[in-house]
PDB file of N, CA and C in Angstrom:
ATOM      1  N   MET A   1     109.603 132.980  94.477  1.00  0.00           N
ATOM      2  CA  MET A   1     109.681 131.574  94.569  1.00  0.00           C
ATOM      3  C   MET A   1     110.644 131.205  95.656  1.00  0.00           C
ATOM      4  N   THR A   2     110.310 130.171  96.427  1.00  0.00           N
ATOM      5  CA  THR A   2     111.127 129.639  97.514  1.00  0.00           C
ATOM      6  C   THR A   2     112.017 128.547  96.940  1.00  0.00           C
ATOM      7  N   ASP A   3     113.339 128.660  97.211  1.00  0.00           N
ATOM      8  CA  ASP A   3     114.264 127.608  96.815  1.00  0.00           C
ATOM      9  C   ASP A   3     114.089 126.389  97.708  1.00  0.00           C
ATOM     10  N   VAL A   4     114.257 125.185  97.176  1.00  0.00           N
ATOM     11  CA  VAL A   4     114.106 123.976  97.916  1.00  0.00           C
ATOM     12  C   VAL A   4     115.478 123.251  97.896  1.00  0.00           C
ATOM     13  N   LEU A   5     115.939 122.924  99.055  1.00  0.00           N
ATOM     14  CA  LEU A   5     117.222 122.197  99.163  1.00  0.00           C
ATOM     15  C   LEU A   5     117.031 120.761  98.844  1.00  0.00           C
ATOM     16  N   LEU A   6     117.770 120.258  97.854  1.00  0.00           N
ATOM     17  CA  LEU A   6     117.630 118.888  97.417  1.00  0.00           C
ATOM     18  C   LEU A   6     118.436 117.935  98.369  1.00  0.00           C
ATOM     19  N   HIS A   7     118.000 116.717  98.539  1.00  0.00           N
ATOM     20  CA  HIS A   7     118.743 115.702  99.194  1.00  0.00           C
ATOM     21  C   HIS A   7     119.940 115.282  98.385  1.00  0.00           C
ATOM     22  N   GLN A   8     121.074 115.093  99.034  1.00  0.00           N
ATOM     23  CA  GLN A   8     122.319 114.733  98.323  1.00  0.00           C
ATOM     24  C   GLN A   8     122.148 113.541  97.400  1.00  0.00           C
ATOM     25  N   TYR A   9     121.394 112.532  97.901  1.00  0.00           N
ATOM     26  CA  TYR A   9     121.245 111.341  97.066  1.00  0.00           C
ATOM     27  C   TYR A   9     120.514 111.608  95.767  1.00  0.00           C
ATOM     28  N   ILE A  10     119.632 112.545  95.712  1.00  0.00           N
ATOM     29  CA  ILE A  10     118.982 112.866  94.498  1.00  0.00           C
ATOM     30  C   ILE A  10     119.962 113.528  93.573  1.00  0.00           C
ATOM     31  N   ILE A  11     120.778 114.365  94.030  1.00  0.00           N
ATOM     32  CA  ILE A  11     121.799 114.990  93.222  1.00  0.00           C
ATOM     33  C   ILE A  11     122.762 113.957  92.661  1.00  0.00           C
ATOM     34  N   THR A  12     123.154 113.017  93.490  1.00  0.00           N
ATOM     35  CA  THR A  12     124.115 111.968  93.108  1.00  0.00           C
ATOM     36  C   THR A  12     123.534 111.139  92.026  1.00  0.00           C
ATOM     37  N   PHE A  13     122.282 110.654  92.162  1.00  0.00           N
ATOM     38  CA  PHE A  13     121.753 109.662  91.235  1.00  0.00           C
ATOM     39  C   PHE A  13     121.193 110.304  89.956  1.00  0.00           C
ATOM     40  N   HIS A  14     120.843 111.600  90.044  1.00  0.00           N
ATOM     41  CA  HIS A  14     120.295 112.231  88.842  1.00  0.00           C
ATOM     42  C   HIS A  14     121.148 113.410  88.378  1.00  0.00           C
ATOM     43  N   ARG A  15     122.452 113.219  88.494  1.00  0.00           N
ATOM     44  CA  ARG A  15     123.377 114.320  88.219  1.00  0.00           C
ATOM     45  C   ARG A  15     123.108 114.965  86.885  1.00  0.00           C
ATOM     46  N   ASP A  16     122.965 114.251  85.806  1.00  0.00           N
ATOM     47  CA  ASP A  16     122.769 114.815  84.462  1.00  0.00           C
ATOM     48  C   ASP A  16     121.496 115.659  84.397  1.00  0.00           C
ATOM     49  N   GLU A  17     120.399 115.175  84.938  1.00  0.00           N
ATOM     50  CA  GLU A  17     119.122 115.901  84.857  1.00  0.00           C
ATOM     51  C   GLU A  17     119.150 117.113  85.872  1.00  0.00           C
ATOM     52  N   VAL A  18     119.653 116.861  87.089  1.00  0.00           N
ATOM     53  CA  VAL A  18     119.552 117.885  88.091  1.00  0.00           C
ATOM     54  C   VAL A  18     120.477 119.035  87.787  1.00  0.00           C
ATOM     55  N   LYS A  19     121.580 118.823  87.101  1.00  0.00           N
ATOM     56  CA  LYS A  19     122.470 119.936  86.705  1.00  0.00           C
ATOM     57  C   LYS A  19     121.710 121.055  85.992  1.00  0.00           C
ATOM     58  N   ARG A  20     120.648 120.605  85.189  1.00  0.00           N
ATOM     59  CA  ARG A  20     119.953 121.585  84.416  1.00  0.00           C
ATOM     60  C   ARG A  20     119.137 122.562  85.296  1.00  0.00           C
ATOM     61  N   ILE A  21     118.736 122.063  86.464  1.00  0.00           N
ATOM     62  CA  ILE A  21     117.833 122.897  87.257  1.00  0.00           C
ATOM     63  C   ILE A  21     118.341 123.245  88.663  1.00  0.00           C
ATOM     64  N   CYS A  22     119.601 122.819  88.963  1.00  0.00           N
ATOM     65  CA  CYS A  22     120.117 123.087  90.279  1.00  0.00           C
ATOM     66  C   CYS A  22     121.438 123.802  90.164  1.00  0.00           C
ATOM     67  N   TYR A  23     121.793 124.462  91.271  1.00  0.00           N
ATOM     68  CA  TYR A  23     123.081 125.120  91.381  1.00  0.00           C
ATOM     69  C   TYR A  23     123.476 124.938  92.837  1.00  0.00           C
ATOM     70  N   ASP A  24     124.632 124.268  93.072  1.00  0.00           N
ATOM     71  CA  ASP A  24     125.036 124.021  94.445  1.00  0.00           C
ATOM     72  C   ASP A  24     124.006 123.378  95.314  1.00  0.00           C
ATOM     73  N   GLY A  25     123.252 122.455  94.748  1.00  0.00           N
ATOM     74  CA  GLY A  25     122.249 121.705  95.514  1.00  0.00           C
ATOM     75  C   GLY A  25     120.973 122.408  95.818  1.00  0.00           C
ATOM     76  N   ILE A  26     120.764 123.599  95.287  1.00  0.00           N
ATOM     77  CA  ILE A  26     119.495 124.354  95.521  1.00  0.00           C
ATOM     78  C   ILE A  26     118.629 124.208  94.228  1.00  0.00           C
ATOM     79  N   MET A  27     117.425 123.776  94.492  1.00  0.00           N
ATOM     80  CA  MET A  27     116.424 123.609  93.361  1.00  0.00           C
ATOM     81  C   MET A  27     116.094 125.027  92.822  1.00  0.00           C
ATOM     82  N   ARG A  28     116.320 125.259  91.590  1.00  0.00           N
ATOM     83  CA  ARG A  28     115.982 126.528  90.941  1.00  0.00           C
ATOM     84  C   ARG A  28     114.640 126.462  90.300  1.00  0.00           C
ATOM     85  N   ASN A  29     114.129 125.292  89.962  1.00  0.00           N
ATOM     86  CA  ASN A  29     112.869 125.174  89.307  1.00  0.00           C
ATOM     87  C   ASN A  29     111.954 124.267  90.141  1.00  0.00           C
ATOM     88  N   LYS A  30     111.387 124.865  91.165  1.00  0.00           N
ATOM     89  CA  LYS A  30     110.532 124.099  92.079  1.00  0.00           C
ATOM     90  C   LYS A  30     109.304 123.504  91.350  1.00  0.00           C
ATOM     91  N   LYS A  31     108.848 124.219  90.392  1.00  0.00           N
ATOM     92  CA  LYS A  31     107.652 123.770  89.577  1.00  0.00           C
ATOM     93  C   LYS A  31     107.960 122.479  88.853  1.00  0.00           C
ATOM     94  N   ALA A  32     109.169 122.398  88.275  1.00  0.00           N
ATOM     95  CA  ALA A  32     109.576 121.157  87.517  1.00  0.00           C
ATOM     96  C   ALA A  32     109.750 120.046  88.461  1.00  0.00           C
ATOM     97  N   TYR A  33     110.310 120.272  89.647  1.00  0.00           N
ATOM     98  CA  TYR A  33     110.503 119.215  90.653  1.00  0.00           C
ATOM     99  C   TYR A  33     109.142 118.726  91.091  1.00  0.00           C
ATOM    100  N   ARG A  34     108.215 119.593  91.413  1.00  0.00           N
ATOM    101  CA  ARG A  34     106.896 119.148  91.823  1.00  0.00           C
ATOM    102  C   ARG A  34     106.212 118.382  90.730  1.00  0.00           C
ATOM    103  N   ALA A  35     106.368 118.786  89.477  1.00  0.00           N
ATOM    104  CA  ALA A  35     105.788 118.005  88.363  1.00  0.00           C
ATOM    105  C   ALA A  35     106.361 116.581  88.311  1.00  0.00           C
ATOM    106  N   LEU A  36     107.711 116.450  88.510  1.00  0.00           N
ATOM    107  CA  LEU A  36     108.281 115.156  88.561  1.00  0.00           C
ATOM    108  C   LEU A  36     107.758 114.333  89.723  1.00  0.00           C
ATOM    109  N   LEU A  37     107.521 114.929  90.864  1.00  0.00           N
ATOM    110  CA  LEU A  37     106.950 114.228  92.009  1.00  0.00           C
ATOM    111  C   LEU A  37     105.526 113.702  91.685  1.00  0.00           C
ATOM    112  N   ARG A  38     104.803 114.489  90.979  1.00  0.00           N
ATOM    113  CA  ARG A  38     103.439 114.087  90.559  1.00  0.00           C
ATOM    114  C   ARG A  38     103.451 112.894  89.642  1.00  0.00           C
ATOM    115  N   VAL A  39     104.433 112.875  88.731  1.00  0.00           N
ATOM    116  CA  VAL A  39     104.619 111.745  87.858  1.00  0.00           C
ATOM    117  C   VAL A  39     104.973 110.448  88.663  1.00  0.00           C
ATOM    118  N   LEU A  40     105.836 110.644  89.639  1.00  0.00           N
ATOM    119  CA  LEU A  40     106.292 109.508  90.402  1.00  0.00           C
ATOM    120  C   LEU A  40     105.262 108.962  91.370  1.00  0.00           C
ATOM    121  N   GLU A  41     104.282 109.766  91.758  1.00  0.00           N
ATOM    122  CA  GLU A  41     103.277 109.308  92.703  1.00  0.00           C
ATOM    123  C   GLU A  41     102.150 108.547  92.019  1.00  0.00           C
ATOM    124  N   GLN A  42     102.114 108.499  90.745  1.00  0.00           N
ATOM    125  CA  GLN A  42     101.065 107.785  90.003  1.00  0.00           C
ATOM    126  C   GLN A  42     101.182 106.284  90.244  1.00  0.00           C
ATOM    127  N   PRO A  43     100.057 105.566  90.483  1.00  0.00           N
ATOM    128  CA  PRO A  43     100.100 104.137  90.673  1.00  0.00           C
ATOM    129  C   PRO A  43     100.615 103.390  89.386  1.00  0.00           C
ATOM    130  N   ARG A  44     101.485 102.442  89.637  1.00  0.00           N
ATOM    131  CA  ARG A  44     102.117 101.657  88.569  1.00  0.00           C
ATOM    132  C   ARG A  44     102.313 100.238  89.032  1.00  0.00           C
ATOM    133  N   ASN A  45     102.310  99.325  88.112  1.00  0.00           N
ATOM    134  CA  ASN A  45     102.709  97.973  88.420  1.00  0.00           C
ATOM    135  C   ASN A  45     104.197  97.874  88.217  1.00  0.00           C
ATOM    136  N   THR A  46     104.766  96.674  88.555  1.00  0.00           N
ATOM    137  CA  THR A  46     106.206  96.559  88.466  1.00  0.00           C
ATOM    138  C   THR A  46     106.738  96.738  87.076  1.00  0.00           C
ATOM    139  N   VAL A  47     106.048  96.267  86.056  1.00  0.00           N
ATOM    140  CA  VAL A  47     106.496  96.426  84.654  1.00  0.00           C
ATOM    141  C   VAL A  47     106.514  97.877  84.318  1.00  0.00           C
ATOM    142  N   GLU A  48     105.481  98.646  84.674  1.00  0.00           N
ATOM    143  CA  GLU A  48     105.451 100.111  84.375  1.00  0.00           C
ATOM    144  C   GLU A  48     106.547 100.859  85.126  1.00  0.00           C
ATOM    145  N   TRP A  49     106.791 100.556  86.345  1.00  0.00           N
ATOM    146  CA  TRP A  49     107.832 101.154  87.079  1.00  0.00           C
ATOM    147  C   TRP A  49     109.151 100.917  86.504  1.00  0.00           C
ATOM    148  N   ASP A  50     109.396  99.655  86.041  1.00  0.00           N
ATOM    149  CA  ASP A  50     110.687  99.241  85.401  1.00  0.00           C
ATOM    150  C   ASP A  50     110.852 100.108  84.146  1.00  0.00           C
ATOM    151  N   ALA A  51     109.809 100.288  83.326  1.00  0.00           N
ATOM    152  CA  ALA A  51     109.962 100.991  82.096  1.00  0.00           C
ATOM    153  C   ALA A  51     110.216 102.465  82.429  1.00  0.00           C
ATOM    154  N   LEU A  52     109.548 103.041  83.401  1.00  0.00           N
ATOM    155  CA  LEU A  52     109.775 104.430  83.762  1.00  0.00           C
ATOM    156  C   LEU A  52     111.223 104.647  84.228  1.00  0.00           C
ATOM    157  N   LEU A  53     111.659 103.774  85.144  1.00  0.00           N
ATOM    158  CA  LEU A  53     112.981 103.997  85.692  1.00  0.00           C
ATOM    159  C   LEU A  53     114.081 103.748  84.576  1.00  0.00           C
ATOM    160  N   GLN A  54     113.830 102.828  83.658  1.00  0.00           N
ATOM    161  CA  GLN A  54     114.759 102.648  82.527  1.00  0.00           C
ATOM    162  C   GLN A  54     114.813 103.932  81.684  1.00  0.00           C
ATOM    163  N   ASP A  55     113.693 104.586  81.459  1.00  0.00           N
ATOM    164  CA  ASP A  55     113.613 105.818  80.687  1.00  0.00           C
ATOM    165  C   ASP A  55     114.237 106.983  81.420  1.00  0.00           C
ATOM    166  N   LEU A  56     114.026 107.029  82.684  1.00  0.00           N
ATOM    167  CA  LEU A  56     114.394 108.153  83.496  1.00  0.00           C
ATOM    168  C   LEU A  56     115.876 108.186  83.885  1.00  0.00           C
ATOM    169  N   LEU A  57     116.409 106.943  84.215  1.00  0.00           N
ATOM    170  CA  LEU A  57     117.700 106.834  84.785  1.00  0.00           C
ATOM    171  C   LEU A  57     118.667 106.063  83.923  1.00  0.00           C
ATOM    172  N   THR A  58     119.921 106.352  83.972  1.00  0.00           N
ATOM    173  CA  THR A  58     120.973 105.535  83.280  1.00  0.00           C
ATOM    174  C   THR A  58     121.097 104.180  84.012  1.00  0.00           C
ATOM    175  N   PRO A  59     121.714 103.189  83.345  1.00  0.00           N
ATOM    176  CA  PRO A  59     121.960 101.935  84.025  1.00  0.00           C
ATOM    177  C   PRO A  59     122.734 102.095  85.281  1.00  0.00           C
ATOM    178  N   ASN A  60     123.786 102.985  85.296  1.00  0.00           N
ATOM    179  CA  ASN A  60     124.583 103.220  86.503  1.00  0.00           C
ATOM    180  C   ASN A  60     123.713 103.870  87.614  1.00  0.00           C
ATOM    181  N   GLU A  61     122.838 104.766  87.240  1.00  0.00           N
ATOM    182  CA  GLU A  61     121.981 105.383  88.254  1.00  0.00           C
ATOM    183  C   GLU A  61     121.030 104.362  88.913  1.00  0.00           C
ATOM    184  N   ARG A  62     120.471 103.459  88.049  1.00  0.00           N
ATOM    185  CA  ARG A  62     119.601 102.405  88.560  1.00  0.00           C
ATOM    186  C   ARG A  62     120.407 101.442  89.455  1.00  0.00           C
ATOM    187  N   GLU A  63     121.626 101.163  89.094  1.00  0.00           N
ATOM    188  CA  GLU A  63     122.471 100.293  89.959  1.00  0.00           C
ATOM    189  C   GLU A  63     122.730 100.978  91.261  1.00  0.00           C
ATOM    190  N   SER A  64     123.000 102.283  91.245  1.00  0.00           N
ATOM    191  CA  SER A  64     123.253 103.039  92.485  1.00  0.00           C
ATOM    192  C   SER A  64     122.027 103.093  93.415  1.00  0.00           C
ATOM    193  N   LEU A  65     120.890 103.281  92.783  1.00  0.00           N
ATOM    194  CA  LEU A  65     119.671 103.290  93.546  1.00  0.00           C
ATOM    195  C   LEU A  65     119.422 101.863  94.242  1.00  0.00           C
ATOM    196  N   THR A  66     119.647 100.844  93.466  1.00  0.00           N
ATOM    197  CA  THR A  66     119.494  99.459  93.998  1.00  0.00           C
ATOM    198  C   THR A  66     120.494  99.235  95.144  1.00  0.00           C
ATOM    199  N   GLU A  67     121.695  99.624  94.930  1.00  0.00           N
ATOM    200  CA  GLU A  67     122.724  99.477  96.002  1.00  0.00           C
ATOM    201  C   GLU A  67     122.278 100.217  97.270  1.00  0.00           C
ATOM    202  N   ARG A  68     121.860 101.443  97.121  1.00  0.00           N
ATOM    203  CA  ARG A  68     121.421 102.263  98.220  1.00  0.00           C
ATOM    204  C   ARG A  68     120.255 101.647  98.993  1.00  0.00           C
ATOM    205  N   TRP A  69     119.280 101.069  98.252  1.00  0.00           N
ATOM    206  CA  TRP A  69     118.130 100.432  98.884  1.00  0.00           C
ATOM    207  C   TRP A  69     118.644  99.092  99.615  1.00  0.00           C
ATOM    208  N   GLN A  70     119.530  98.362  99.072  1.00  0.00           N
ATOM    209  CA  GLN A  70     120.076  97.219  99.736  1.00  0.00           C
ATOM    210  C   GLN A  70     120.754  97.640 101.041  1.00  0.00           C
ATOM    211  N   ILE A  71     121.530  98.632 101.023  1.00  0.00           N
ATOM    212  CA  ILE A  71     122.284  99.162 102.162  1.00  0.00           C
ATOM    213  C   ILE A  71     121.268  99.561 103.285  1.00  0.00           C
ATOM    214  N   VAL A  72     120.251 100.300 102.907  1.00  0.00           N
ATOM    215  CA  VAL A  72     119.249 100.782 103.917  1.00  0.00           C
ATOM    216  C   VAL A  72     118.490  99.601 104.518  1.00  0.00           C
ATOM    217  N   GLN A  73     118.109  98.637 103.683  1.00  0.00           N
ATOM    218  CA  GLN A  73     117.411  97.474 104.214  1.00  0.00           C
ATOM    219  C   GLN A  73     118.282  96.687 105.190  1.00  0.00           C
ATOM    220  N   LEU A  74     119.558  96.441 104.852  1.00  0.00           N
ATOM    221  CA  LEU A  74     120.455  95.693 105.736  1.00  0.00           C
ATOM    222  C   LEU A  74     120.681  96.523 107.093  1.00  0.00           C
ATOM    223  N   LEU A  75     120.875  97.786 106.967  1.00  0.00           N
ATOM    224  CA  LEU A  75     121.013  98.620 108.181  1.00  0.00           C
ATOM    225  C   LEU A  75     119.797  98.483 109.033  1.00  0.00           C
ATOM    226  N   ALA A  76     118.591  98.618 108.423  1.00  0.00           N
ATOM    227  CA  ALA A  76     117.371  98.554 109.190  1.00  0.00           C
ATOM    228  C   ALA A  76     117.193  97.180 109.865  1.00  0.00           C
ATOM    229  N   ASN A  77     117.752  96.120 109.246  1.00  0.00           N
ATOM    230  CA  ASN A  77     117.712  94.826 109.889  1.00  0.00           C
ATOM    231  C   ASN A  77     118.780  94.526 110.908  1.00  0.00           C
ATOM    232  N   GLY A  78     119.614  95.616 111.151  1.00  0.00           N
ATOM    233  CA  GLY A  78     120.595  95.546 112.250  1.00  0.00           C
ATOM    234  C   GLY A  78     121.940  94.964 111.886  1.00  0.00           C
ATOM    235  N   MET A  79     122.242  94.784 110.574  1.00  0.00           N
ATOM    236  CA  MET A  79     123.495  94.260 110.145  1.00  0.00           C
ATOM    237  C   MET A  79     124.549  95.322 110.388  1.00  0.00           C
ATOM    238  N   PRO A  80     125.738  94.913 111.000  1.00  0.00           N
ATOM    239  CA  PRO A  80     126.803  95.844 111.204  1.00  0.00           C
ATOM    240  C   PRO A  80     127.364  96.328 109.822  1.00  0.00           C
ATOM    241  N   GLN A  81     127.852  97.649 109.875  1.00  0.00           N
ATOM    242  CA  GLN A  81     128.286  98.249 108.659  1.00  0.00           C
ATOM    243  C   GLN A  81     129.467  97.529 107.975  1.00  0.00           C
ATOM    244  N   ARG A  82     130.361  96.953 108.754  1.00  0.00           N
ATOM    245  CA  ARG A  82     131.454  96.212 108.109  1.00  0.00           C
ATOM    246  C   ARG A  82     130.918  94.949 107.373  1.00  0.00           C
ATOM    247  N   ASP A  83     129.966  94.301 107.985  1.00  0.00           N
ATOM    248  CA  ASP A  83     129.375  93.108 107.322  1.00  0.00           C
ATOM    249  C   ASP A  83     128.641  93.537 106.023  1.00  0.00           C
ATOM    250  N   ILE A  84     127.996  94.633 106.059  1.00  0.00           N
ATOM    251  CA  ILE A  84     127.347  95.134 104.822  1.00  0.00           C
ATOM    252  C   ILE A  84     128.387  95.443 103.745  1.00  0.00           C
ATOM    253  N   ALA A  85     129.436  96.116 104.153  1.00  0.00           N
ATOM    254  CA  ALA A  85     130.555  96.412 103.210  1.00  0.00           C
ATOM    255  C   ALA A  85     131.064  95.152 102.565  1.00  0.00           C
ATOM    256  N   ASP A  86     131.316  94.147 103.349  1.00  0.00           N
ATOM    257  CA  ASP A  86     131.812  92.835 102.860  1.00  0.00           C
ATOM    258  C   ASP A  86     130.800  92.154 101.917  1.00  0.00           C
ATOM    259  N   LYS A  87     129.553  92.177 102.372  1.00  0.00           N
ATOM    260  CA  LYS A  87     128.489  91.507 101.558  1.00  0.00           C
ATOM    261  C   LYS A  87     128.254  92.112 100.256  1.00  0.00           C
ATOM    262  N   LEU A  88     128.201  93.476 100.218  1.00  0.00           N
ATOM    263  CA  LEU A  88     127.889  94.168  98.989  1.00  0.00           C
ATOM    264  C   LEU A  88     129.124  94.645  98.206  1.00  0.00           C
ATOM    265  N   GLY A  89     130.275  94.596  98.830  1.00  0.00           N
ATOM    266  CA  GLY A  89     131.496  95.068  98.170  1.00  0.00           C
ATOM    267  C   GLY A  89     131.492  96.583  97.967  1.00  0.00           C
ATOM    268  N   VAL A  90     130.965  97.341  99.000  1.00  0.00           N
ATOM    269  CA  VAL A  90     130.964  98.785  98.932  1.00  0.00           C
ATOM    270  C   VAL A  90     131.790  99.349 100.066  1.00  0.00           C
ATOM    271  N   SER A  91     132.066 100.640  99.932  1.00  0.00           N
ATOM    272  CA  SER A  91     132.892 101.307 101.000  1.00  0.00           C
ATOM    273  C   SER A  91     132.052 101.616 102.235  1.00  0.00           C
ATOM    274  N   ILE A  92     132.775 101.656 103.320  1.00  0.00           N
ATOM    275  CA  ILE A  92     132.091 102.030 104.624  1.00  0.00           C
ATOM    276  C   ILE A  92     131.436 103.380 104.515  1.00  0.00           C
ATOM    277  N   SER A  93     132.067 104.324 103.763  1.00  0.00           N
ATOM    278  CA  SER A  93     131.560 105.682 103.662  1.00  0.00           C
ATOM    279  C   SER A  93     130.158 105.684 102.981  1.00  0.00           C
ATOM    280  N   LYS A  94     129.943 104.801 102.065  1.00  0.00           N
ATOM    281  CA  LYS A  94     128.654 104.675 101.431  1.00  0.00           C
ATOM    282  C   LYS A  94     127.638 104.216 102.489  1.00  0.00           C
ATOM    283  N   ILE A  95     127.954 103.209 103.272  1.00  0.00           N
ATOM    284  CA  ILE A  95     127.068 102.700 104.283  1.00  0.00           C
ATOM    285  C   ILE A  95     126.822 103.729 105.379  1.00  0.00           C
ATOM    286  N   THR A  96     127.852 104.443 105.783  1.00  0.00           N
ATOM    287  CA  THR A  96     127.715 105.489 106.795  1.00  0.00           C
ATOM    288  C   THR A  96     126.715 106.565 106.295  1.00  0.00           C
ATOM    289  N   ARG A  97     126.840 106.888 105.057  1.00  0.00           N
ATOM    290  CA  ARG A  97     125.947 107.881 104.417  1.00  0.00           C
ATOM    291  C   ARG A  97     124.516 107.413 104.519  1.00  0.00           C
ATOM    292  N   GLY A  98     124.289 106.133 104.191  1.00  0.00           N
ATOM    293  CA  GLY A  98     122.944 105.499 104.222  1.00  0.00           C
ATOM    294  C   GLY A  98     122.410 105.540 105.649  1.00  0.00           C
ATOM    295  N   SER A  99     123.296 105.220 106.622  1.00  0.00           N
ATOM    296  CA  SER A  99     122.928 105.222 108.015  1.00  0.00           C
ATOM    297  C   SER A  99     122.506 106.624 108.442  1.00  0.00           C
ATOM    298  N   ARG A 100     123.267 107.645 107.989  1.00  0.00           N
ATOM    299  CA  ARG A 100     122.982 109.011 108.352  1.00  0.00           C
ATOM    300  C   ARG A 100     121.614 109.473 107.768  1.00  0.00           C
ATOM    301  N   VAL A 101     121.387 109.030 106.553  1.00  0.00           N
ATOM    302  CA  VAL A 101     120.058 109.447 105.935  1.00  0.00           C
ATOM    303  C   VAL A 101     118.936 108.698 106.734  1.00  0.00           C
ATOM    304  N   LEU A 102     119.103 107.501 107.162  1.00  0.00           N
ATOM    305  CA  LEU A 102     118.083 106.759 107.965  1.00  0.00           C
ATOM    306  C   LEU A 102     117.801 107.526 109.210  1.00  0.00           C
ATOM    307  N   GLN A 103     118.847 108.059 109.882  1.00  0.00           N
ATOM    308  CA  GLN A 103     118.721 108.697 111.157  1.00  0.00           C
ATOM    309  C   GLN A 103     118.307 110.152 111.065  1.00  0.00           C
ATOM    310  N   GLU A 104     118.782 110.856 110.040  1.00  0.00           N
ATOM    311  CA  GLU A 104     118.576 112.330 109.963  1.00  0.00           C
ATOM    312  C   GLU A 104     117.857 112.814 108.753  1.00  0.00           C
ATOM    313  N   GLY A 105     117.413 111.887 107.904  1.00  0.00           N
ATOM    314  CA  GLY A 105     116.816 112.259 106.617  1.00  0.00           C
ATOM    315  C   GLY A 105     115.407 112.763 106.832  1.00  0.00           C
ATOM    316  N   LYS A 106     114.692 112.839 105.759  1.00  0.00           N
ATOM    317  CA  LYS A 106     113.293 113.341 105.749  1.00  0.00           C
ATOM    318  C   LYS A 106     112.286 112.242 106.083  1.00  0.00           C
ATOM    319  N   GLY A 107     112.769 111.006 106.258  1.00  0.00           N
ATOM    320  CA  GLY A 107     111.870 109.887 106.654  1.00  0.00           C
ATOM    321  C   GLY A 107     111.375 109.088 105.496  1.00  0.00           C
ATOM    322  N   GLY A 108     111.842 109.343 104.283  1.00  0.00           N
ATOM    323  CA  GLY A 108     111.419 108.585 103.121  1.00  0.00           C
ATOM    324  C   GLY A 108     111.819 107.167 103.149  1.00  0.00           C
ATOM    325  N   PHE A 109     113.023 106.900 103.559  1.00  0.00           N
ATOM    326  CA  PHE A 109     113.499 105.480 103.643  1.00  0.00           C
ATOM    327  C   PHE A 109     112.708 104.744 104.747  1.00  0.00           C
ATOM    328  N   LEU A 110     112.545 105.423 105.857  1.00  0.00           N
ATOM    329  CA  LEU A 110     111.757 104.776 106.957  1.00  0.00           C
ATOM    330  C   LEU A 110     110.341 104.396 106.574  1.00  0.00           C
ATOM    331  N   LYS A 111     109.703 105.344 105.842  1.00  0.00           N
ATOM    332  CA  LYS A 111     108.355 105.081 105.378  1.00  0.00           C
ATOM    333  C   LYS A 111     108.303 103.932 104.372  1.00  0.00           C
ATOM    334  N   ALA A 112     109.282 103.899 103.474  1.00  0.00           N
ATOM    335  CA  ALA A 112     109.374 102.795 102.519  1.00  0.00           C
ATOM    336  C   ALA A 112     109.629 101.470 103.149  1.00  0.00           C
ATOM    337  N   LEU A 113     110.444 101.465 104.169  1.00  0.00           N
ATOM    338  CA  LEU A 113     110.691 100.250 104.937  1.00  0.00           C
ATOM    339  C   LEU A 113     109.434  99.783 105.695  1.00  0.00           C
ATOM    340  N   GLN A 114     108.713 100.731 106.265  1.00  0.00           N
ATOM    341  CA  GLN A 114     107.484 100.332 106.944  1.00  0.00           C
ATOM    342  C   GLN A 114     106.468  99.807 105.950  1.00  0.00           C
ATOM    343  N   HIS A 115     106.399 100.406 104.836  1.00  0.00           N
ATOM    344  CA  HIS A 115     105.462  99.946 103.739  1.00  0.00           C
ATOM    345  C   HIS A 115     105.823  98.502 103.327  1.00  0.00           C
ATOM    346  N   ARG A 116     107.155  98.269 103.137  1.00  0.00           N
ATOM    347  CA  ARG A 116     107.647  96.923 102.754  1.00  0.00           C
ATOM    348  C   ARG A 116     107.213  95.936 103.814  1.00  0.00           C
ATOM    349  N   GLU A 117     107.373  96.320 105.076  1.00  0.00           N
ATOM    350  CA  GLU A 117     107.050  95.445 106.194  1.00  0.00           C
ATOM    351  C   GLU A 117     105.545  95.100 106.246  1.00  0.00           C
ATOM    352  N   SER A 118     104.725  96.119 105.976  1.00  0.00           N
ATOM    353  CA  SER A 118     103.273  95.882 105.966  1.00  0.00           C
ATOM    354  C   SER A 118     102.867  94.989 104.881  1.00  0.00           C
ATOM    355  N   LEU A 119     103.502  95.086 103.682  1.00  0.00           N
ATOM    356  CA  LEU A 119     103.216  94.186 102.589  1.00  0.00           C
ATOM    357  C   LEU A 119     103.588  92.744 102.918  1.00  0.00           C
ATOM    358  N   ARG A 120     104.746  92.561 103.603  1.00  0.00           N
ATOM    359  CA  ARG A 120     105.145  91.273 104.042  1.00  0.00           C
ATOM    360  C   ARG A 120     104.177  90.676 105.003  1.00  0.00           C
ATOM    361  N   ASN A 121     103.650  91.479 105.970  1.00  0.00           N
ATOM    362  CA  ASN A 121     102.772  90.991 106.928  1.00  0.00           C
ATOM    363  C   ASN A 121     101.403  90.562 106.333  1.00  0.00           C
ATOM    364  N   ARG A 122     100.979  91.286 105.304  1.00  0.00           N
ATOM    365  CA  ARG A 122      99.780  90.891 104.589  1.00  0.00           C
ATOM    366  C   ARG A 122      99.888  89.572 103.817  1.00  0.00           C
ATOM    367  N   ALA A 123     101.135  89.275 103.413  1.00  0.00           N
ATOM    368  CA  ALA A 123     101.357  88.078 102.623  1.00  0.00           C
ATOM    369  C   ALA A 123     101.226  86.841 103.502  1.00  0.00           C
ATOM    370  N   TYR A 124     101.324  86.963 104.798  1.00  0.00           N
ATOM    371  CA  TYR A 124     101.263  85.777 105.691  1.00  0.00           C
ATOM    372  C   TYR A 124      99.877  85.522 106.108  1.00  0.00           C
TER     373      TYR A 124
END
C-alpha cells in the first residue's frame, strides 16, 4: 500500500477522526480515505449537505471550514491580508496559510472558486 500525504487543513479540521488513521500526517488507511471521498462526491442538495456536515464535523470544525472558505474567497477577490484579518477577526498567519494553499496547494480551492464563478455567471 502506498501512503498518501494529507493536506494540513484536513488534519486540522478533522483532528479527532484523522488521528485514528494517520500518524504524523501520513494516511495509513488509504482505502478508508478513498471511501470517504466517494461519500463526499455524491450529489446532494443544500439541506443534505448541511445534515452530512453536521454529522461529520463538530461545530468548531464547521466554523473553521467556513472561516477558511471566507479567507480564500476574499484572497481570490484581491483583498489585502490585513484587511481580511480586520474584517474576519483572524490572525495574519491564518490568512497567509490560506494564501499559500491557493498558490501551492492541489488546486481544490481554485476549482471550487471557478465553479462558484460559473454558477454566478449562469444566474445572470
